[in-house]
């Protein structure tokens, strides 16, 4: 997992949209206690099938996911990874997500 200045450099280098990069950097600066945690049931409620979403925090494996999503996040629980891949979706950590969706076009921020 990327942390601190290394995370900031990576985000600034890979994110093509400045407002998206600033939002991710601000979220990464939150204390561990204040970092966002999003469950799969929240993704199920707030995203449509085949959406591309980013969670500025950790994705937890609580709940049921039936939609095929591309999910980017700072981190994932093991259960979340297995449930996302079981539906045909893709869990991507920050660096991989930004390489593919750095322009933030069509990306929903959830959390």
N, C-alpha and C. Protein backbone atom coordinates (compact mmCIF):
# COMPACT_ATOMS: atom_id res chain seq x y z
N UNK A 1 0.84 -1.18 0.00
CA UNK A 1 0.00 0.00 0.00
C UNK A 1 0.88 1.24 0.00
N UNK A 2 0.52 2.19 -0.82
CA UNK A 2 1.25 3.45 -0.87
C UNK A 2 0.85 4.33 0.32
N UNK A 3 1.83 5.03 0.89
CA UNK A 3 1.53 5.94 2.00
C UNK A 3 2.34 7.21 1.86
N UNK A 4 1.84 8.26 2.48
CA UNK A 4 2.57 9.51 2.60
C UNK A 4 2.98 10.15 1.29
N UNK A 5 4.22 10.62 1.26
CA UNK A 5 4.72 11.36 0.10
C UNK A 5 4.78 10.48 -1.16
N UNK A 6 5.03 9.21 -0.97
CA UNK A 6 5.06 8.31 -2.13
C UNK A 6 3.69 8.24 -2.80
N UNK A 7 2.64 8.20 -1.98
CA UNK A 7 1.28 8.19 -2.52
C UNK A 7 1.01 9.48 -3.26
N UNK A 8 1.37 10.62 -2.66
CA UNK A 8 1.13 11.91 -3.31
C UNK A 8 1.84 12.01 -4.65
N UNK A 9 3.09 11.58 -4.71
CA UNK A 9 3.84 11.63 -5.97
C UNK A 9 3.20 10.76 -7.03
N UNK A 10 2.77 9.57 -6.61
CA UNK A 10 2.12 8.65 -7.56
C UNK A 10 0.83 9.24 -8.09
N UNK A 11 0.01 9.81 -7.20
CA UNK A 11 -1.27 10.39 -7.62
C UNK A 11 -1.03 11.57 -8.55
N UNK A 12 -0.11 12.44 -8.20
CA UNK A 12 0.16 13.61 -9.06
C UNK A 12 0.70 13.19 -10.42
N UNK A 13 1.48 12.12 -10.46
CA UNK A 13 2.07 11.65 -11.72
C UNK A 13 1.03 10.98 -12.62
N UNK A 14 0.13 10.20 -12.03
CA UNK A 14 -0.77 9.38 -12.83
C UNK A 14 -2.16 9.99 -13.06
N UNK A 15 -2.65 10.80 -12.13
CA UNK A 15 -3.99 11.37 -12.30
C UNK A 15 -3.92 12.54 -13.27
N UNK A 16 -4.71 12.48 -14.31
CA UNK A 16 -4.68 13.51 -15.34
C UNK A 16 -5.61 14.68 -15.01
N UNK A 17 -6.55 14.47 -14.13
CA UNK A 17 -7.49 15.51 -13.74
C UNK A 17 -7.10 16.04 -12.36
N UNK A 18 -6.77 17.32 -12.28
CA UNK A 18 -6.22 17.89 -11.05
C UNK A 18 -7.19 17.80 -9.87
N UNK A 19 -8.46 18.06 -10.09
CA UNK A 19 -9.42 18.03 -8.98
C UNK A 19 -9.54 16.61 -8.40
N UNK A 20 -9.49 15.60 -9.27
CA UNK A 20 -9.54 14.22 -8.82
C UNK A 20 -8.30 13.89 -8.00
N UNK A 21 -7.14 14.32 -8.46
CA UNK A 21 -5.89 14.07 -7.75
C UNK A 21 -5.90 14.73 -6.37
N UNK A 22 -6.36 15.97 -6.31
CA UNK A 22 -6.39 16.69 -5.02
C UNK A 22 -7.34 16.00 -4.04
N UNK A 23 -8.47 15.52 -4.53
CA UNK A 23 -9.42 14.83 -3.66
C UNK A 23 -8.80 13.57 -3.08
N UNK A 24 -8.10 12.80 -3.91
CA UNK A 24 -7.46 11.58 -3.44
C UNK A 24 -6.35 11.87 -2.43
N UNK A 25 -5.58 12.90 -2.69
CA UNK A 25 -4.51 13.27 -1.76
C UNK A 25 -5.08 13.70 -0.42
N UNK A 26 -6.13 14.52 -0.45
CA UNK A 26 -6.77 14.95 0.81
C UNK A 26 -7.33 13.78 1.59
N UNK A 27 -7.93 12.84 0.89
CA UNK A 27 -8.48 11.66 1.57
C UNK A 27 -7.37 10.80 2.17
N UNK A 28 -6.24 10.72 1.48
CA UNK A 28 -5.14 9.90 2.00
C UNK A 28 -4.49 10.51 3.24
N UNK A 29 -4.65 11.79 3.43
CA UNK A 29 -4.07 12.47 4.59
C UNK A 29 -4.88 12.29 5.87
N UNK A 30 -6.06 11.73 5.75
CA UNK A 30 -6.88 11.49 6.94
C UNK A 30 -6.17 10.51 7.87
N UNK A 31 -6.44 10.66 9.16
CA UNK A 31 -5.85 9.71 10.10
C UNK A 31 -6.45 8.33 9.87
N UNK A 32 -5.76 7.32 10.32
CA UNK A 32 -6.21 5.94 10.13
C UNK A 32 -7.62 5.76 10.71
N UNK A 33 -7.88 6.40 11.80
CA UNK A 33 -9.17 6.29 12.47
C UNK A 33 -10.30 6.94 11.67
N UNK A 34 -9.97 7.98 10.92
CA UNK A 34 -10.98 8.72 10.17
C UNK A 34 -11.09 8.28 8.71
N UNK A 35 -10.28 7.31 8.31
CA UNK A 35 -10.33 6.85 6.93
C UNK A 35 -11.66 6.17 6.62
N UNK A 36 -12.14 6.34 5.44
CA UNK A 36 -13.45 5.80 5.05
C UNK A 36 -13.38 4.29 4.86
N UNK A 37 -14.47 3.64 5.26
CA UNK A 37 -14.63 2.20 5.03
C UNK A 37 -15.98 2.00 4.36
N UNK A 38 -15.98 1.32 3.24
CA UNK A 38 -17.20 1.11 2.47
C UNK A 38 -17.40 -0.39 2.31
N UNK A 39 -18.61 -0.84 2.59
CA UNK A 39 -18.92 -2.26 2.45
C UNK A 39 -19.44 -2.55 1.05
N UNK A 40 -19.43 -3.82 0.69
CA UNK A 40 -19.94 -4.22 -0.62
C UNK A 40 -21.43 -3.91 -0.76
N UNK A 41 -22.16 -3.97 0.35
CA UNK A 41 -23.59 -3.65 0.28
C UNK A 41 -23.80 -2.18 -0.11
N UNK A 42 -22.90 -1.29 0.33
CA UNK A 42 -23.00 0.11 -0.07
C UNK A 42 -22.69 0.27 -1.56
N UNK A 43 -21.73 -0.47 -2.04
CA UNK A 43 -21.44 -0.44 -3.48
C UNK A 43 -22.63 -0.97 -4.27
N UNK A 44 -23.25 -2.02 -3.78
CA UNK A 44 -24.42 -2.61 -4.44
C UNK A 44 -25.55 -1.57 -4.56
N UNK A 45 -25.75 -0.79 -3.50
CA UNK A 45 -26.81 0.23 -3.49
C UNK A 45 -26.50 1.44 -4.37
N UNK A 46 -25.26 1.87 -4.40
CA UNK A 46 -24.92 3.15 -5.01
C UNK A 46 -24.33 3.07 -6.42
N UNK A 47 -24.08 1.89 -6.93
CA UNK A 47 -23.48 1.77 -8.26
C UNK A 47 -24.37 0.93 -9.16
N UNK A 48 -24.27 1.21 -10.44
CA UNK A 48 -24.99 0.43 -11.44
C UNK A 48 -24.06 -0.66 -11.98
N UNK A 49 -24.65 -1.64 -12.65
CA UNK A 49 -23.86 -2.72 -13.23
C UNK A 49 -22.85 -2.14 -14.23
N UNK A 50 -21.63 -2.65 -14.19
CA UNK A 50 -20.52 -2.25 -15.06
C UNK A 50 -20.00 -0.83 -14.81
N UNK A 51 -20.31 -0.25 -13.66
CA UNK A 51 -19.76 1.06 -13.30
C UNK A 51 -18.30 0.95 -12.90
N UNK A 52 -17.62 2.07 -12.97
CA UNK A 52 -16.26 2.20 -12.47
C UNK A 52 -16.34 3.11 -11.26
N UNK A 53 -15.96 2.59 -10.09
CA UNK A 53 -16.06 3.36 -8.85
C UNK A 53 -14.71 3.40 -8.14
N UNK A 54 -14.52 4.46 -7.35
CA UNK A 54 -13.32 4.54 -6.52
C UNK A 54 -13.74 4.84 -5.10
N UNK A 55 -13.15 4.10 -4.16
CA UNK A 55 -13.40 4.30 -2.73
C UNK A 55 -12.12 4.88 -2.12
N UNK A 56 -12.17 6.12 -1.64
CA UNK A 56 -10.98 6.71 -1.02
C UNK A 56 -10.82 6.19 0.41
N UNK A 57 -10.51 4.93 0.54
CA UNK A 57 -10.38 4.27 1.83
C UNK A 57 -10.29 2.77 1.60
N UNK A 58 -10.94 2.01 2.49
CA UNK A 58 -10.88 0.55 2.41
C UNK A 58 -12.24 -0.01 2.04
N UNK A 59 -12.24 -1.04 1.18
CA UNK A 59 -13.46 -1.76 0.82
C UNK A 59 -13.53 -3.01 1.67
N UNK A 60 -14.66 -3.15 2.39
CA UNK A 60 -14.87 -4.30 3.27
C UNK A 60 -15.80 -5.30 2.60
N UNK A 61 -15.73 -6.55 2.98
CA UNK A 61 -16.50 -7.60 2.33
C UNK A 61 -17.89 -7.84 2.89
N UNK A 62 -18.43 -6.94 3.68
CA UNK A 62 -19.78 -7.12 4.24
C UNK A 62 -20.82 -6.97 3.14
N UNK A 63 -21.80 -7.84 3.15
CA UNK A 63 -22.91 -7.74 2.21
C UNK A 63 -22.73 -8.60 0.98
N UNK A 64 -23.70 -8.44 0.09
CA UNK A 64 -23.74 -9.23 -1.14
C UNK A 64 -23.55 -8.29 -2.32
N UNK A 65 -22.75 -8.71 -3.27
CA UNK A 65 -22.52 -7.93 -4.49
C UNK A 65 -22.92 -8.79 -5.67
N UNK A 66 -23.84 -8.28 -6.48
CA UNK A 66 -24.28 -9.02 -7.66
C UNK A 66 -23.93 -8.29 -8.95
N UNK A 67 -23.42 -7.07 -8.85
CA UNK A 67 -23.09 -6.27 -10.03
C UNK A 67 -21.62 -6.43 -10.40
N UNK A 68 -21.37 -6.38 -11.68
CA UNK A 68 -20.00 -6.46 -12.18
C UNK A 68 -19.42 -5.05 -12.16
N UNK A 69 -18.51 -4.79 -11.21
CA UNK A 69 -17.95 -3.45 -11.03
C UNK A 69 -16.44 -3.48 -11.15
N UNK A 70 -15.89 -2.37 -11.59
CA UNK A 70 -14.46 -2.13 -11.49
C UNK A 70 -14.30 -1.21 -10.29
N UNK A 71 -13.65 -1.71 -9.25
CA UNK A 71 -13.56 -0.97 -7.99
C UNK A 71 -12.10 -0.64 -7.69
N UNK A 72 -11.83 0.64 -7.51
CA UNK A 72 -10.51 1.08 -7.09
C UNK A 72 -10.59 1.54 -5.65
N UNK A 73 -9.51 1.34 -4.90
CA UNK A 73 -9.50 1.75 -3.50
C UNK A 73 -8.07 1.82 -3.00
N UNK A 74 -7.90 2.44 -1.82
CA UNK A 74 -6.59 2.45 -1.17
C UNK A 74 -6.25 1.05 -0.69
N UNK A 75 -7.26 0.30 -0.21
CA UNK A 75 -7.03 -1.09 0.22
C UNK A 75 -8.34 -1.87 0.20
N UNK A 76 -8.21 -3.20 0.23
CA UNK A 76 -9.34 -4.12 0.20
C UNK A 76 -9.16 -5.18 1.27
N UNK A 77 -10.28 -5.68 1.80
CA UNK A 77 -10.19 -6.88 2.63
C UNK A 77 -10.14 -8.09 1.70
N UNK A 78 -9.65 -9.21 2.20
CA UNK A 78 -9.58 -10.42 1.36
C UNK A 78 -10.96 -10.85 0.89
N UNK A 79 -11.94 -10.74 1.78
CA UNK A 79 -13.31 -11.13 1.43
C UNK A 79 -13.85 -10.26 0.31
N UNK A 80 -13.57 -8.97 0.37
CA UNK A 80 -14.05 -8.05 -0.67
C UNK A 80 -13.44 -8.41 -2.02
N UNK A 81 -12.16 -8.71 -2.03
CA UNK A 81 -11.51 -9.08 -3.29
C UNK A 81 -12.14 -10.32 -3.89
N UNK A 82 -12.38 -11.33 -3.06
CA UNK A 82 -12.95 -12.57 -3.59
C UNK A 82 -14.39 -12.37 -4.07
N UNK A 83 -15.18 -11.56 -3.37
CA UNK A 83 -16.56 -11.33 -3.81
C UNK A 83 -16.63 -10.49 -5.08
N UNK A 84 -15.75 -9.51 -5.20
CA UNK A 84 -15.75 -8.67 -6.40
C UNK A 84 -15.34 -9.50 -7.62
N UNK A 85 -14.31 -10.32 -7.48
CA UNK A 85 -13.88 -11.14 -8.61
C UNK A 85 -14.88 -12.24 -8.94
N UNK A 86 -15.63 -12.72 -7.93
CA UNK A 86 -16.63 -13.76 -8.17
C UNK A 86 -17.76 -13.27 -9.07
N UNK A 87 -18.05 -11.96 -9.03
CA UNK A 87 -19.11 -11.41 -9.88
C UNK A 87 -18.59 -11.00 -11.25
N UNK A 88 -17.29 -11.19 -11.48
CA UNK A 88 -16.70 -10.79 -12.75
C UNK A 88 -16.13 -9.39 -12.73
N UNK A 89 -16.12 -8.76 -11.57
CA UNK A 89 -15.58 -7.41 -11.43
C UNK A 89 -14.08 -7.43 -11.24
N UNK A 90 -13.52 -6.23 -11.08
CA UNK A 90 -12.07 -6.09 -10.94
C UNK A 90 -11.75 -5.19 -9.75
N UNK A 91 -11.04 -5.69 -8.75
CA UNK A 91 -10.55 -4.83 -7.67
C UNK A 91 -9.17 -4.29 -8.05
N UNK A 92 -9.00 -2.98 -8.02
CA UNK A 92 -7.73 -2.36 -8.39
C UNK A 92 -7.23 -1.46 -7.28
N UNK A 93 -5.98 -1.62 -6.91
CA UNK A 93 -5.38 -0.70 -5.96
C UNK A 93 -5.08 0.63 -6.65
N UNK A 94 -4.80 1.64 -5.86
CA UNK A 94 -4.70 3.01 -6.36
C UNK A 94 -3.84 3.17 -7.60
N UNK A 95 -2.62 2.67 -7.57
CA UNK A 95 -1.70 2.87 -8.69
C UNK A 95 -2.22 2.25 -9.99
N UNK A 96 -2.71 1.02 -9.91
CA UNK A 96 -3.27 0.36 -11.10
C UNK A 96 -4.52 1.07 -11.60
N UNK A 97 -5.34 1.54 -10.66
CA UNK A 97 -6.56 2.25 -11.02
C UNK A 97 -6.23 3.54 -11.77
N UNK A 98 -5.25 4.30 -11.27
CA UNK A 98 -4.90 5.56 -11.91
C UNK A 98 -4.26 5.37 -13.27
N UNK A 99 -3.53 4.28 -13.45
CA UNK A 99 -2.94 4.00 -14.76
C UNK A 99 -4.03 3.81 -15.81
N UNK A 100 -5.12 3.20 -15.39
CA UNK A 100 -6.20 2.91 -16.34
C UNK A 100 -7.25 4.01 -16.42
N UNK A 101 -7.56 4.65 -15.29
CA UNK A 101 -8.64 5.65 -15.23
C UNK A 101 -8.15 6.98 -14.67
N UNK A 102 -6.94 7.38 -15.02
CA UNK A 102 -6.34 8.60 -14.48
C UNK A 102 -7.08 9.87 -14.84
N UNK A 103 -7.82 9.84 -15.95
CA UNK A 103 -8.56 11.03 -16.36
C UNK A 103 -9.86 11.18 -15.58
N UNK A 104 -10.23 10.17 -14.79
CA UNK A 104 -11.43 10.18 -13.93
C UNK A 104 -12.73 10.29 -14.71
N UNK A 105 -12.69 10.07 -15.99
CA UNK A 105 -13.90 10.14 -16.81
C UNK A 105 -14.78 8.92 -16.54
N UNK A 106 -16.00 9.14 -16.11
CA UNK A 106 -16.92 8.05 -15.84
C UNK A 106 -16.71 7.35 -14.52
N UNK A 107 -15.86 7.91 -13.65
CA UNK A 107 -15.57 7.30 -12.35
C UNK A 107 -16.47 7.91 -11.28
N UNK A 108 -17.11 7.05 -10.48
CA UNK A 108 -17.92 7.50 -9.35
C UNK A 108 -17.10 7.36 -8.07
N UNK A 109 -17.04 8.44 -7.28
CA UNK A 109 -16.42 8.36 -5.97
C UNK A 109 -17.49 7.94 -4.97
N UNK A 110 -17.22 6.90 -4.21
CA UNK A 110 -18.18 6.42 -3.22
C UNK A 110 -17.49 6.36 -1.88
N UNK A 111 -18.12 6.98 -0.88
CA UNK A 111 -17.54 6.92 0.46
C UNK A 111 -17.40 8.25 1.10
